[in-house]
């Protein structure tokens, strides 16, 4: 049924006789179809319409078979990456279960970076983690004080071989357009608002400052600033884990669980001490029966109209079900709910057994609800001291609790901020860095308390 008609082309005419194929036998012979297909490819592209309908149908069928095979292979590879034994989230959840963690969540519940097949393989790290996402969060943390937007961070991470945000369409803050304060940086308050704000503050908020006994300069700086704002604060002694018998004293006070394996601390002494100091502040909030406890680290510098801004935030934006509100979070991950607040979430791009480390940093200014604070402290301590070292950072452990508590925060990119930070290195980082250089005397900080002198016995 095929006509022996030439097809016009740049090199003259093309007929079946020139191809060396019998048109009668061709339709029932797959090898002949393949040879025809190969003969019709460049160098010289053909012009004119396809005039052999059975030949075209045979070629289309073969192309469809090839396409279907490719799709099936791709689906199989994708299934192996998501559901196979090498999946990051699966290993993380399994490890968290083994460690007795409370925040166990299925893979489907966590929001993840959706990447192409190529980037899924290119970004896979040696430990099964996401190398590209780690580069993005590393860029964010490297620019801690620059307050870069996530768009800028992701653009900078391209130089570290991460996919562009235009390709992935991924934003760590879901509904980020809601976290877009459109008001002025400097607010104007009338006399009635100022009076109402101060009345609310005095009736509900008590201020606490965490400060190491040796950091006298920091205490003087923050005390002077609070005095300028007509605020009074209770000083809470920080915990320096380098001090001999520090562990024994912290365990006695209930700041560190008695069964905690101190040998896992390694270079995280500063983080452990920071967490213990925060737990000490929670105990003081409970003792004072404060409705709201504002816990400041000693490098926090509150803005001039802090009381009015905080009153305005609670009046208009903080949900009634809140457990904790952070007034400044670096590298925020979660869902925007108001112009100045987002609900903290854990990232599906991180490993559960490492407390989802990588986002939602900083505990510079935390607001705790007094009601139920003992249960909150129990959960926070369990998250910190379950280990490994990544969880000893109390901000990392705090975000790992996010699915089990109501944790809201102000992202650092919001212009209507509540505080800045005094210049200078973090005490937590300084102690952790110094601990890496400690000699054998470091064991005395974790050893049992022994009375070696009459003064110790007294």
Foldseek 3Di string as FASTA:
>chain_A
DWDQDWFQFPVGTDTVVVLVDDPVCQLVDVVSLVSVVVVQDDPTHGDDDDDGVSSVVSVVVVVVVVVVVVVVVVVVVVCCAPPNPLAQAVVLLVLCVVLVADLRDDLVVFDAQDDDPVQSVVQQDPSSAGNLLLLLLVQLVVCQQVLDASQVSQVVSVVVVHDHCVRRVDDLAAVVVQQADPDDLDDDDDPVLVVVLVVVCVQFEAEEEEDAPVPPVLVVVQVVLCVLLVHDHHYQHFQQLQDFQSQVVLCVVVLAPPPFDVVLCQLQRLLLRRSSSVLSVLVVCLVVVHQKYKYAYSFKRFDNPLSSVVSVCVVPPDDPQAFKEAQEWGQAGAYRDHNFKGWQAAHSSARNNLLSPRGGDDPRIMMGGNPPSVVVSVSLNCQQRSDDNSSSRSRSSVSSCRVVGGYMYGYSNRSNGGTHTHDDDDPSNVSSVVSNVDDPSSVSSVDHDDPPDPVSVD
